[in-house]
């Protein structure tokens, strides 16, 4: 079971793996976009516990080269502070409010420091502690998810392979996953670059093992004008339509009050690595420069369009045996 007690259920940013037996992984996803939207970075500190080949790592994907930096560390180089949250892997330090990087391989390097302000996490409530809702209390799920900030400001600078990146007045996004492994099929979208300031969207549709069966899980949130519109399995929302082409997806979500139409186009990808059982060699392709269109409607006797939105750059993954979710 992927369960370490209820201590951190209401603090999803914290490390959950202290008392969990392998196989187990936990990864934090920091997305950084500069002010002019010329550079997007996905930075993923992680830990992987297994009988063979346990390790910590930091991965980096950038929107220019789409060549992954994968820097591996022994478990002894991993430290997770508890109050407040702090993660140290080698010479790299991560918190909710900042990151400090000194990532070096034989051919690549990323150094520098960024700070974050005005974070907007998925609300934490007593019986719905974050994005997972009441599913956060289920002790046997394959994978858990948290949205630690839909949107926040960035200040600082980085140097990637001798190229300086000014991150002042940039925008960030922060989430995490932990469990035994990634779903064997999933769609993931994220964007917080829309015309309306503060607007952010994330979506995950995934194959969820459940006891001796499985179901198609839905987790989506649109943060618009200070309000979070939730479309999730636990709120009763449904995937009414899902069409997947080679580079394009079209999705319609609906609950009792709202309908959300989603159209996304994948542009360029790079390879990241993730966990599956006892191995950390699962390859998945992620785009950091995709485009996204959303239409939110109020349903009822008279449908009313609340917002039509276009976003870019958007992050996008479509991976696995998609027959399990279509």
C-alpha atoms as a PDB file:
ATOM      1  CA  UNK A   1       0.000   0.000   0.000  1.00  0.00           C
ATOM      2  CA  UNK A   2       1.161   3.520  -0.822  1.00  0.00           C
ATOM      3  CA  UNK A   3       0.162   5.035   2.486  1.00  0.00           C
ATOM      4  CA  UNK A   4       2.155   6.687   5.239  1.00  0.00           C
ATOM      5  CA  UNK A   5      -0.705   7.600   7.541  1.00  0.00           C
ATOM      6  CA  UNK A   6      -2.838  10.725   7.498  1.00  0.00           C
ATOM      7  CA  UNK A   7      -0.155  13.153   8.698  1.00  0.00           C
ATOM      8  CA  UNK A   8       0.594  14.763   5.330  1.00  0.00           C
ATOM      9  CA  UNK A   9      -2.772  14.395   3.617  1.00  0.00           C
ATOM     10  CA  UNK A  10      -3.475  18.074   4.320  1.00  0.00           C
ATOM     11  CA  UNK A  11       0.115  18.996   3.388  1.00  0.00           C
ATOM     12  CA  UNK A  12       0.519  17.386  -0.039  1.00  0.00           C
ATOM     13  CA  UNK A  13       3.785  19.200  -0.810  1.00  0.00           C
ATOM     14  CA  UNK A  14       5.614  17.177   1.849  1.00  0.00           C
ATOM     15  CA  UNK A  15       7.578  13.982   1.234  1.00  0.00           C
ATOM     16  CA  UNK A  16       5.309  10.969   1.788  1.00  0.00           C
ATOM     17  CA  UNK A  17       7.749   8.092   1.471  1.00  0.00           C
ATOM     18  CA  UNK A  18       9.454   7.839   4.883  1.00  0.00           C
ATOM     19  CA  UNK A  19       7.649   4.679   5.972  1.00  0.00           C
ATOM     20  CA  UNK A  20       6.597   3.260   2.616  1.00  0.00           C
ATOM     21  CA  UNK A  21       8.208   0.065   1.351  1.00  0.00           C
ATOM     22  CA  UNK A  22       9.422  -0.158  -2.268  1.00  0.00           C
ATOM     23  CA  UNK A  23       8.491   0.147  -4.997  1.00  0.00           C
ATOM     24  CA  UNK A  24       7.708   3.821  -4.443  1.00  0.00           C
ATOM     25  CA  UNK A  25       8.365   7.089  -6.245  1.00  0.00           C
ATOM     26  CA  UNK A  26       7.721  10.735  -5.502  1.00  0.00           C
ATOM     27  CA  UNK A  27       8.339  13.619  -7.870  1.00  0.00           C
ATOM     28  CA  UNK A  28       7.767  17.374  -7.783  1.00  0.00           C
ATOM     29  CA  UNK A  29       7.130  19.203 -11.075  1.00  0.00           C
ATOM     30  CA  UNK A  30       8.304  22.827 -11.328  1.00  0.00           C
ATOM     31  CA  UNK A  31       7.399  24.572 -14.573  1.00  0.00           C
ATOM     32  CA  UNK A  32       9.013  27.961 -15.251  1.00  0.00           C
ATOM     33  CA  UNK A  33       8.259  30.294 -18.168  1.00  0.00           C
ATOM     34  CA  UNK A  34      10.093  33.554 -18.752  1.00  0.00           C
ATOM     35  CA  UNK A  35       8.284  36.877 -19.179  1.00  0.00           C
ATOM     36  CA  UNK A  36       8.433  36.843 -22.987  1.00  0.00           C
ATOM     37  CA  UNK A  37       7.435  33.170 -23.243  1.00  0.00           C
ATOM     38  CA  UNK A  38      10.622  32.391 -25.137  1.00  0.00           C
ATOM     39  CA  UNK A  39      11.875  29.736 -22.704  1.00  0.00           C
ATOM     40  CA  UNK A  40       9.978  27.096 -20.761  1.00  0.00           C
ATOM     41  CA  UNK A  41      11.671  24.739 -18.332  1.00  0.00           C
ATOM     42  CA  UNK A  42      10.255  21.669 -16.603  1.00  0.00           C
ATOM     43  CA  UNK A  43      12.390  20.769 -13.561  1.00  0.00           C
ATOM     44  CA  UNK A  44      11.572  17.521 -11.730  1.00  0.00           C
ATOM     45  CA  UNK A  45      13.295  16.505  -8.488  1.00  0.00           C
ATOM     46  CA  UNK A  46      12.379  12.949  -7.530  1.00  0.00           C
ATOM     47  CA  UNK A  47      13.137   9.906  -5.433  1.00  0.00           C
ATOM     48  CA  UNK A  48      12.742   6.282  -6.488  1.00  0.00           C
ATOM     49  CA  UNK A  49      12.770   3.468  -3.929  1.00  0.00           C
ATOM     50  CA  UNK A  50      13.138  -0.081  -5.239  1.00  0.00           C
ATOM     51  CA  UNK A  51      14.919  -3.314  -4.323  1.00  0.00           C
ATOM     52  CA  UNK A  52      17.248  -2.766  -7.262  1.00  0.00           C
ATOM     53  CA  UNK A  53      18.564   0.568  -8.433  1.00  0.00           C
ATOM     54  CA  UNK A  54      17.102   2.988  -5.827  1.00  0.00           C
ATOM     55  CA  UNK A  55      18.164   6.604  -6.367  1.00  0.00           C
ATOM     56  CA  UNK A  56      17.243  10.271  -6.361  1.00  0.00           C
ATOM     57  CA  UNK A  57      17.284  12.405  -9.490  1.00  0.00           C
ATOM     58  CA  UNK A  58      16.691  15.806 -11.023  1.00  0.00           C
ATOM     59  CA  UNK A  59      15.416  15.977 -14.596  1.00  0.00           C
ATOM     60  CA  UNK A  60      15.230  19.067 -16.775  1.00  0.00           C
ATOM     61  CA  UNK A  61      13.429  19.553 -20.070  1.00  0.00           C
ATOM     62  CA  UNK A  62      13.772  22.841 -21.962  1.00  0.00           C
ATOM     63  CA  UNK A  63      11.677  24.199 -24.828  1.00  0.00           C
ATOM     64  CA  UNK A  64      14.678  25.061 -27.009  1.00  0.00           C
ATOM     65  CA  UNK A  65      16.642  21.836 -27.352  1.00  0.00           C
ATOM     66  CA  UNK A  66      14.060  19.347 -26.013  1.00  0.00           C
ATOM     67  CA  UNK A  67      17.075  17.345 -24.833  1.00  0.00           C
ATOM     68  CA  UNK A  68      16.593  16.010 -21.338  1.00  0.00           C
ATOM     69  CA  UNK A  69      19.103  16.557 -18.563  1.00  0.00           C
ATOM     70  CA  UNK A  70      18.943  13.549 -16.258  1.00  0.00           C
ATOM     71  CA  UNK A  71      21.154  13.904 -13.203  1.00  0.00           C
ATOM     72  CA  UNK A  72      21.198  10.951 -10.840  1.00  0.00           C
ATOM     73  CA  UNK A  73      22.149  10.882  -7.138  1.00  0.00           C
ATOM     74  CA  UNK A  74      22.464   8.228  -4.420  1.00  0.00           C
ATOM     75  CA  UNK A  75      19.664   8.081  -1.862  1.00  0.00           C
ATOM     76  CA  UNK A  76      22.107   9.514   0.689  1.00  0.00           C
ATOM     77  CA  UNK A  77      22.039  12.788  -1.287  1.00  0.00           C
ATOM     78  CA  UNK A  78      18.277  13.132  -0.739  1.00  0.00           C
ATOM     79  CA  UNK A  79      16.942  15.021   2.280  1.00  0.00           C
ATOM     80  CA  UNK A  80      13.352  16.114   2.872  1.00  0.00           C
ATOM     81  CA  UNK A  81      12.705  18.746   5.505  1.00  0.00           C
ATOM     82  CA  UNK A  82       9.340  18.686   7.227  1.00  0.00           C
ATOM     83  CA  UNK A  83       8.446  22.102   8.645  1.00  0.00           C
ATOM     84  CA  UNK A  84       8.443  23.997   6.377  1.00  0.00           C
ATOM     85  CA  UNK A  85       8.740  21.849   3.277  1.00  0.00           C
ATOM     86  CA  UNK A  86      12.272  21.658   1.907  1.00  0.00           C
ATOM     87  CA  UNK A  87      13.840  19.203  -0.500  1.00  0.00           C
ATOM     88  CA  UNK A  88      17.584  18.837  -1.005  1.00  0.00           C
ATOM     89  CA  UNK A  89      19.115  16.614  -3.681  1.00  0.00           C
ATOM     90  CA  UNK A  90      22.855  16.997  -3.994  1.00  0.00           C
ATOM     91  CA  UNK A  91      23.594  20.716  -4.354  1.00  0.00           C
ATOM     92  CA  UNK A  92      19.996  21.499  -5.340  1.00  0.00           C
ATOM     93  CA  UNK A  93      17.380  22.916  -2.992  1.00  0.00           C
ATOM     94  CA  UNK A  94      13.619  23.081  -3.576  1.00  0.00           C
ATOM     95  CA  UNK A  95      10.816  24.661  -1.529  1.00  0.00           C
ATOM     96  CA  UNK A  96       7.348  25.929  -2.368  1.00  0.00           C
ATOM     97  CA  UNK A  97       8.734  29.466  -2.599  1.00  0.00           C
ATOM     98  CA  UNK A  98      12.045  28.882  -4.376  1.00  0.00           C
ATOM     99  CA  UNK A  99      14.564  26.664  -6.100  1.00  0.00           C
ATOM    100  CA  UNK A 100      18.355  26.748  -6.154  1.00  0.00           C
ATOM    101  CA  UNK A 101      20.035  24.686  -8.853  1.00  0.00           C
ATOM    102  CA  UNK A 102      23.488  23.292  -9.460  1.00  0.00           C
ATOM    103  CA  UNK A 103      22.868  20.465 -11.915  1.00  0.00           C
ATOM    104  CA  UNK A 104      25.899  19.170 -13.784  1.00  0.00           C
ATOM    105  CA  UNK A 105      26.428  16.225 -16.114  1.00  0.00           C
ATOM    106  CA  UNK A 106      29.325  15.496 -18.460  1.00  0.00           C
ATOM    107  CA  UNK A 107      27.767  17.580 -21.227  1.00  0.00           C
ATOM    108  CA  UNK A 108      25.077  19.775 -19.653  1.00  0.00           C
ATOM    109  CA  UNK A 109      24.567  22.071 -16.709  1.00  0.00           C
ATOM    110  CA  UNK A 110      21.865  24.256 -15.151  1.00  0.00           C
ATOM    111  CA  UNK A 111      22.606  26.677 -12.320  1.00  0.00           C
ATOM    112  CA  UNK A 112      20.888  29.619 -10.657  1.00  0.00           C
ATOM    113  CA  UNK A 113      18.137  30.614  -8.260  1.00  0.00           C
ATOM    114  CA  UNK A 114      14.467  31.598  -8.601  1.00  0.00           C
ATOM    115  CA  UNK A 115      11.892  32.694  -6.040  1.00  0.00           C
ATOM    116  CA  UNK A 116       8.109  32.361  -6.261  1.00  0.00           C
ATOM    117  CA  UNK A 117       5.356  34.655  -5.000  1.00  0.00           C
ATOM    118  CA  UNK A 118       1.534  34.702  -4.889  1.00  0.00           C
ATOM    119  CA  UNK A 119       1.095  30.929  -5.147  1.00  0.00           C
ATOM    120  CA  UNK A 120      -2.413  29.623  -5.882  1.00  0.00           C
ATOM    121  CA  UNK A 121      -2.759  26.008  -4.663  1.00  0.00           C
ATOM    122  CA  UNK A 122      -5.753  23.726  -5.169  1.00  0.00           C
ATOM    123  CA  UNK A 123      -7.809  24.457  -2.011  1.00  0.00           C
ATOM    124  CA  UNK A 124      -7.211  22.199   0.986  1.00  0.00           C
ATOM    125  CA  UNK A 125     -10.385  21.297   2.888  1.00  0.00           C
ATOM    126  CA  UNK A 126     -11.028  18.902   5.741  1.00  0.00           C
ATOM    127  CA  UNK A 127     -12.816  16.253   3.700  1.00  0.00           C
ATOM    128  CA  UNK A 128     -11.333  17.243   0.339  1.00  0.00           C
ATOM    129  CA  UNK A 129      -7.609  17.784   0.914  1.00  0.00           C
ATOM    130  CA  UNK A 130      -6.541  19.124  -2.446  1.00  0.00           C
ATOM    131  CA  UNK A 131      -6.856  17.917  -6.020  1.00  0.00           C
ATOM    132  CA  UNK A 132      -7.500  14.268  -5.083  1.00  0.00           C
ATOM    133  CA  UNK A 133     -10.614  15.087  -3.065  1.00  0.00           C
ATOM    134  CA  UNK A 134     -11.761  12.206  -0.881  1.00  0.00           C
ATOM    135  CA  UNK A 135      -9.626   9.808  -2.945  1.00  0.00           C
ATOM    136  CA  UNK A 136      -6.667  11.158  -0.945  1.00  0.00           C
ATOM    137  CA  UNK A 137      -7.877   8.983   1.957  1.00  0.00           C
ATOM    138  CA  UNK A 138      -7.780   5.736  -0.091  1.00  0.00           C
ATOM    139  CA  UNK A 139      -4.612   3.831   0.905  1.00  0.00           C
ATOM    140  CA  UNK A 140      -4.141   1.545  -2.122  1.00  0.00           C
ATOM    141  CA  UNK A 141      -4.140   3.820  -5.174  1.00  0.00           C
ATOM    142  CA  UNK A 142      -1.399   3.363  -7.752  1.00  0.00           C
ATOM    143  CA  UNK A 143      -0.670   7.094  -8.036  1.00  0.00           C
ATOM    144  CA  UNK A 144      -1.603  10.278  -6.159  1.00  0.00           C
ATOM    145  CA  UNK A 145      -1.544  13.834  -7.465  1.00  0.00           C
ATOM    146  CA  UNK A 146      -1.403  17.347  -6.013  1.00  0.00           C
ATOM    147  CA  UNK A 147      -1.589  20.828  -7.533  1.00  0.00           C
ATOM    148  CA  UNK A 148       0.637  22.974  -5.320  1.00  0.00           C
ATOM    149  CA  UNK A 149       0.224  26.154  -7.357  1.00  0.00           C
ATOM    150  CA  UNK A 150      -1.908  26.842 -10.419  1.00  0.00           C
ATOM    151  CA  UNK A 151      -0.062  30.069 -11.082  1.00  0.00           C
ATOM    152  CA  UNK A 152       2.607  32.218  -9.441  1.00  0.00           C
ATOM    153  CA  UNK A 153       5.164  34.935 -10.114  1.00  0.00           C
ATOM    154  CA  UNK A 154       8.846  34.165 -10.644  1.00  0.00           C
ATOM    155  CA  UNK A 155      11.910  36.279 -10.010  1.00  0.00           C
ATOM    156  CA  UNK A 156      15.523  35.266 -10.506  1.00  0.00           C
ATOM    157  CA  UNK A 157      17.817  33.988 -13.212  1.00  0.00           C
ATOM    158  CA  UNK A 158      19.247  30.702 -14.472  1.00  0.00           C
ATOM    159  CA  UNK A 159      22.126  29.672 -16.695  1.00  0.00           C
ATOM    160  CA  UNK A 160      21.555  26.706 -18.977  1.00  0.00           C
ATOM    161  CA  UNK A 161      24.616  25.480 -20.885  1.00  0.00           C
ATOM    162  CA  UNK A 162      26.240  28.960 -20.707  1.00  0.00           C
ATOM    163  CA  UNK A 163      23.014  30.668 -21.843  1.00  0.00           C
ATOM    164  CA  UNK A 164      21.563  33.102 -19.329  1.00  0.00           C
ATOM    165  CA  UNK A 165      17.802  32.988 -18.799  1.00  0.00           C
ATOM    166  CA  UNK A 166      16.174  36.014 -17.166  1.00  0.00           C
ATOM    167  CA  UNK A 167      13.223  34.703 -15.141  1.00  0.00           C
ATOM    168  CA  UNK A 168      12.211  38.029 -13.612  1.00  0.00           C
ATOM    169  CA  UNK A 169       8.459  38.603 -13.987  1.00  0.00           C
ATOM    170  CA  UNK A 170       8.060  35.082 -15.294  1.00  0.00           C
ATOM    171  CA  UNK A 171       5.237  32.677 -14.429  1.00  0.00           C
ATOM    172  CA  UNK A 172       5.328  29.293 -12.759  1.00  0.00           C
ATOM    173  CA  UNK A 173       3.274  26.178 -12.051  1.00  0.00           C
ATOM    174  CA  UNK A 174       3.916  23.508  -9.409  1.00  0.00           C
ATOM    175  CA  UNK A 175       2.477  20.017  -8.917  1.00  0.00           C
ATOM    176  CA  UNK A 176       3.589  16.564  -7.768  1.00  0.00           C
ATOM    177  CA  UNK A 177       2.912  12.821  -8.025  1.00  0.00           C
ATOM    178  CA  UNK A 178       3.716   9.908  -5.756  1.00  0.00           C
ATOM    179  CA  UNK A 179       2.882   6.216  -5.568  1.00  0.00           C
ATOM    180  CA  UNK A 180       3.928   2.868  -7.049  1.00  0.00           C
ATOM    181  CA  UNK A 181       4.072   4.034 -10.665  1.00  0.00           C
ATOM    182  CA  UNK A 182       2.499   6.101 -13.407  1.00  0.00           C
ATOM    183  CA  UNK A 183      -0.858   5.052 -14.896  1.00  0.00           C
ATOM    184  CA  UNK A 184      -0.482   2.788 -17.922  1.00  0.00           C
ATOM    185  CA  UNK A 185      -2.449   5.325 -19.973  1.00  0.00           C
ATOM    186  CA  UNK A 186      -3.060   9.009 -19.401  1.00  0.00           C
ATOM    187  CA  UNK A 187      -3.592  12.447 -20.900  1.00  0.00           C
ATOM    188  CA  UNK A 188      -2.185  15.473 -19.086  1.00  0.00           C
ATOM    189  CA  UNK A 189      -2.554  19.139 -20.011  1.00  0.00           C
ATOM    190  CA  UNK A 190      -1.473  22.310 -18.232  1.00  0.00           C
ATOM    191  CA  UNK A 191      -1.393  25.982 -19.146  1.00  0.00           C
ATOM    192  CA  UNK A 192      -1.316  29.242 -17.185  1.00  0.00           C
ATOM    193  CA  UNK A 193      -0.638  31.596 -20.063  1.00  0.00           C
ATOM    194  CA  UNK A 194      -3.930  33.119 -21.156  1.00  0.00           C
ATOM    195  CA  UNK A 195      -5.004  36.653 -22.003  1.00  0.00           C
ATOM    196  CA  UNK A 196      -6.793  36.950 -18.649  1.00  0.00           C
ATOM    197  CA  UNK A 197      -4.148  37.289 -15.864  1.00  0.00           C
ATOM    198  CA  UNK A 198      -4.267  34.600 -13.187  1.00  0.00           C
ATOM    199  CA  UNK A 199      -6.077  32.093 -15.401  1.00  0.00           C
ATOM    200  CA  UNK A 200      -4.748  28.546 -15.218  1.00  0.00           C
ATOM    201  CA  UNK A 201      -5.894  25.107 -16.320  1.00  0.00           C
ATOM    202  CA  UNK A 202      -4.800  21.552 -15.659  1.00  0.00           C
ATOM    203  CA  UNK A 203      -6.310  18.241 -16.720  1.00  0.00           C
ATOM    204  CA  UNK A 204      -5.523  14.587 -16.177  1.00  0.00           C
ATOM    205  CA  UNK A 205      -7.489  11.672 -17.600  1.00  0.00           C
ATOM    206  CA  UNK A 206      -5.973   8.370 -16.549  1.00  0.00           C
ATOM    207  CA  UNK A 207      -6.490   4.624 -16.222  1.00  0.00           C
ATOM    208  CA  UNK A 208      -6.991   3.983 -12.497  1.00  0.00           C
ATOM    209  CA  UNK A 209      -6.649   0.423 -11.114  1.00  0.00           C
ATOM    210  CA  UNK A 210      -9.344  -0.167  -8.496  1.00  0.00           C
ATOM    211  CA  UNK A 211      -9.448  -3.406  -6.477  1.00  0.00           C
ATOM    212  CA  UNK A 212      -9.956  -6.116  -9.141  1.00  0.00           C
ATOM    213  CA  UNK A 213     -11.095  -3.663 -11.776  1.00  0.00           C
ATOM    214  CA  UNK A 214     -10.249  -0.218 -13.133  1.00  0.00           C
ATOM    215  CA  UNK A 215     -11.930   3.007 -14.173  1.00  0.00           C
ATOM    216  CA  UNK A 216     -11.210   6.151 -16.182  1.00  0.00           C
ATOM    217  CA  UNK A 217     -10.314   8.840 -13.695  1.00  0.00           C
ATOM    218  CA  UNK A 218     -10.870  12.535 -14.349  1.00  0.00           C
ATOM    219  CA  UNK A 219      -9.129  15.403 -12.602  1.00  0.00           C
ATOM    220  CA  UNK A 220      -9.394  18.897 -14.066  1.00  0.00           C
ATOM    221  CA  UNK A 221      -9.418  22.407 -12.679  1.00  0.00           C
ATOM    222  CA  UNK A 222      -9.905  25.766 -14.377  1.00  0.00           C
ATOM    223  CA  UNK A 223      -8.834  28.700 -12.209  1.00  0.00           C
ATOM    224  CA  UNK A 224     -10.650  31.712 -13.667  1.00  0.00           C
ATOM    225  CA  UNK A 225     -11.370  35.135 -12.144  1.00  0.00           C
ATOM    226  CA  UNK A 226     -10.435  33.922  -8.682  1.00  0.00           C
ATOM    227  CA  UNK A 227     -12.730  30.877  -8.860  1.00  0.00           C
ATOM    228  CA  UNK A 228     -11.824  27.212  -9.305  1.00  0.00           C
ATOM    229  CA  UNK A 229     -14.139  25.267 -11.622  1.00  0.00           C
ATOM    230  CA  UNK A 230     -13.619  21.597 -10.763  1.00  0.00           C
ATOM    231  CA  UNK A 231     -14.351  18.749 -13.172  1.00  0.00           C
ATOM    232  CA  UNK A 232     -13.424  15.570 -11.316  1.00  0.00           C
ATOM    233  CA  UNK A 233     -14.579  12.007 -10.818  1.00  0.00           C
ATOM    234  CA  UNK A 234     -15.377  12.696  -7.167  1.00  0.00           C
ATOM    235  CA  UNK A 235     -17.554  15.735  -8.013  1.00  0.00           C
ATOM    236  CA  UNK A 236     -19.574  13.734 -10.528  1.00  0.00           C
ATOM    237  CA  UNK A 237     -18.124  15.261 -13.692  1.00  0.00           C
ATOM    238  CA  UNK A 238     -17.964  13.086 -16.803  1.00  0.00           C
ATOM    239  CA  UNK A 239     -15.885  12.866 -19.941  1.00  0.00           C
ATOM    240  CA  UNK A 240     -18.645  13.231 -22.526  1.00  0.00           C
ATOM    241  CA  UNK A 241     -16.342  13.098 -25.528  1.00  0.00           C
ATOM    242  CA  UNK A 242     -12.669  12.242 -26.068  1.00  0.00           C
ATOM    243  CA  UNK A 243     -11.043  12.232 -29.492  1.00  0.00           C
ATOM    244  CA  UNK A 244      -7.311  11.660 -29.873  1.00  0.00           C
ATOM    245  CA  UNK A 245      -5.465  12.229 -33.136  1.00  0.00           C
ATOM    246  CA  UNK A 246      -1.731  12.134 -33.769  1.00  0.00           C
ATOM    247  CA  UNK A 247      -1.071  15.724 -32.678  1.00  0.00           C
ATOM    248  CA  UNK A 248      -4.481  16.927 -31.560  1.00  0.00           C
ATOM    249  CA  UNK A 249      -7.028  16.082 -28.876  1.00  0.00           C
ATOM    250  CA  UNK A 250     -10.601  17.230 -28.394  1.00  0.00           C
ATOM    251  CA  UNK A 251     -12.393  16.711 -25.064  1.00  0.00           C
ATOM    252  CA  UNK A 252     -15.770  17.680 -23.614  1.00  0.00           C
ATOM    253  CA  UNK A 253     -16.261  17.579 -19.832  1.00  0.00           C
ATOM    254  CA  UNK A 254     -19.590  18.098 -18.122  1.00  0.00           C
ATOM    255  CA  UNK A 255     -21.130  18.161 -14.656  1.00  0.00           C
ATOM    256  CA  UNK A 256     -24.553  19.257 -13.384  1.00  0.00           C
ATOM    257  CA  UNK A 257     -23.891  22.942 -14.016  1.00  0.00           C
ATOM    258  CA  UNK A 258     -21.088  23.423 -16.519  1.00  0.00           C
ATOM    259  CA  UNK A 259     -19.624  22.131 -19.743  1.00  0.00           C
ATOM    260  CA  UNK A 260     -15.970  22.568 -20.675  1.00  0.00           C
ATOM    261  CA  UNK A 261     -14.800  22.076 -24.256  1.00  0.00           C
ATOM    262  CA  UNK A 262     -11.069  21.529 -24.717  1.00  0.00           C
ATOM    263  CA  UNK A 263      -9.017  21.507 -27.880  1.00  0.00           C
ATOM    264  CA  UNK A 264      -5.240  21.084 -27.749  1.00  0.00           C
ATOM    265  CA  UNK A 265      -2.496  20.673 -30.325  1.00  0.00           C
ATOM    266  CA  UNK A 266       0.820  19.049 -29.435  1.00  0.00           C
ATOM    267  CA  UNK A 267       3.899  20.868 -30.721  1.00  0.00           C
ATOM    268  CA  UNK A 268       7.355  19.283 -30.317  1.00  0.00           C
ATOM    269  CA  UNK A 269       8.250  16.851 -27.522  1.00  0.00           C
ATOM    270  CA  UNK A 270      11.133  15.671 -25.392  1.00  0.00           C
ATOM    271  CA  UNK A 271      11.604  12.433 -23.486  1.00  0.00           C
ATOM    272  CA  UNK A 272      11.311  12.247 -19.702  1.00  0.00           C
ATOM    273  CA  UNK A 273      11.772   9.180 -17.515  1.00  0.00           C
ATOM    274  CA  UNK A 274       9.429   7.844 -14.886  1.00  0.00           C
ATOM    275  CA  UNK A 275       8.634   4.895 -12.623  1.00  0.00           C
ATOM    276  CA  UNK A 276       6.810   1.693 -13.373  1.00  0.00           C
ATOM    277  CA  UNK A 277       7.041  -0.965 -10.686  1.00  0.00           C
ATOM    278  CA  UNK A 278      10.661  -1.867  -9.937  1.00  0.00           C
ATOM    279  CA  UNK A 279      12.062   0.141 -12.855  1.00  0.00           C
ATOM    280  CA  UNK A 280      12.688   3.821 -13.477  1.00  0.00           C
ATOM    281  CA  UNK A 281      12.951   3.557 -17.220  1.00  0.00           C
ATOM    282  CA  UNK A 282       9.431   4.350 -18.372  1.00  0.00           C
ATOM    283  CA  UNK A 283       9.785   6.894 -21.187  1.00  0.00           C
ATOM    284  CA  UNK A 284       7.123   9.465 -21.876  1.00  0.00           C
ATOM    285  CA  UNK A 285       7.025  12.358 -24.312  1.00  0.00           C
ATOM    286  CA  UNK A 286       6.162  15.821 -23.063  1.00  0.00           C
ATOM    287  CA  UNK A 287       5.563  19.015 -24.980  1.00  0.00           C
ATOM    288  CA  UNK A 288       6.199  22.432 -23.435  1.00  0.00           C
ATOM    289  CA  UNK A 289       5.099  24.504 -26.437  1.00  0.00           C
ATOM    290  CA  UNK A 290       1.624  23.214 -27.247  1.00  0.00           C
ATOM    291  CA  UNK A 291      -1.495  25.317 -27.819  1.00  0.00           C
ATOM    292  CA  UNK A 292      -4.822  25.102 -26.018  1.00  0.00           C
ATOM    293  CA  UNK A 293      -8.367  26.418 -26.507  1.00  0.00           C
ATOM    294  CA  UNK A 294     -11.092  26.270 -23.845  1.00  0.00           C
ATOM    295  CA  UNK A 295     -14.774  27.139 -23.834  1.00  0.00           C
ATOM    296  CA  UNK A 296     -16.606  27.171 -20.488  1.00  0.00           C
ATOM    297  CA  UNK A 297     -20.388  27.156 -20.616  1.00  0.00           C
ATOM    298  CA  UNK A 298     -23.125  27.336 -18.022  1.00  0.00           C
ATOM    299  CA  UNK A 299     -25.693  24.636 -18.828  1.00  0.00           C
ATOM    300  CA  UNK A 300     -29.421  24.649 -18.213  1.00  0.00           C
ATOM    301  CA  UNK A 301     -32.483  25.837 -20.107  1.00  0.00           C
ATOM    302  CA  UNK A 302     -30.286  28.359 -21.859  1.00  0.00           C
ATOM    303  CA  UNK A 303     -26.647  27.555 -22.333  1.00  0.00           C
ATOM    304  CA  UNK A 304     -24.453  30.544 -21.598  1.00  0.00           C
ATOM    305  CA  UNK A 305     -20.814  30.912 -22.545  1.00  0.00           C
ATOM    306  CA  UNK A 306     -18.802  32.160 -19.585  1.00  0.00           C
ATOM    307  CA  UNK A 307     -15.390  32.311 -21.261  1.00  0.00           C
ATOM    308  CA  UNK A 308     -13.589  31.418 -24.467  1.00  0.00           C
ATOM    309  CA  UNK A 309      -9.874  31.107 -23.811  1.00  0.00           C
ATOM    310  CA  UNK A 310      -6.757  30.474 -25.854  1.00  0.00           C
ATOM    311  CA  UNK A 311      -3.508  29.545 -24.119  1.00  0.00           C
ATOM    312  CA  UNK A 312       0.131  29.108 -25.085  1.00  0.00           C
ATOM    313  CA  UNK A 313       2.649  27.779 -24.215  1.00  0.00           C
ATOM    314  CA  UNK A 314       0.914  24.707 -22.812  1.00  0.00           C
ATOM    315  CA  UNK A 315       2.453  21.515 -21.441  1.00  0.00           C
ATOM    316  CA  UNK A 316       1.011  18.274 -22.790  1.00  0.00           C
ATOM    317  CA  UNK A 317       1.499  14.512 -22.369  1.00  0.00           C
ATOM    318  CA  UNK A 318      -0.397  11.723 -24.131  1.00  0.00           C
ATOM    319  CA  UNK A 319       1.091   8.358 -23.241  1.00  0.00           C
ATOM    320  CA  UNK A 320       0.413   4.671 -22.774  1.00  0.00           C
ATOM    321  CA  UNK A 321      -2.233   2.278 -24.057  1.00  0.00           C
ATOM    322  CA  UNK A 322      -4.897   4.849 -24.854  1.00  0.00           C
ATOM    323  CA  UNK A 323      -7.495   2.132 -25.458  1.00  0.00           C
ATOM    324  CA  UNK A 324      -7.803   2.008 -21.669  1.00  0.00           C
ATOM    325  CA  UNK A 325      -9.110   5.579 -21.443  1.00  0.00           C
ATOM    326  CA  UNK A 326     -10.948   6.176 -24.718  1.00  0.00           C
END
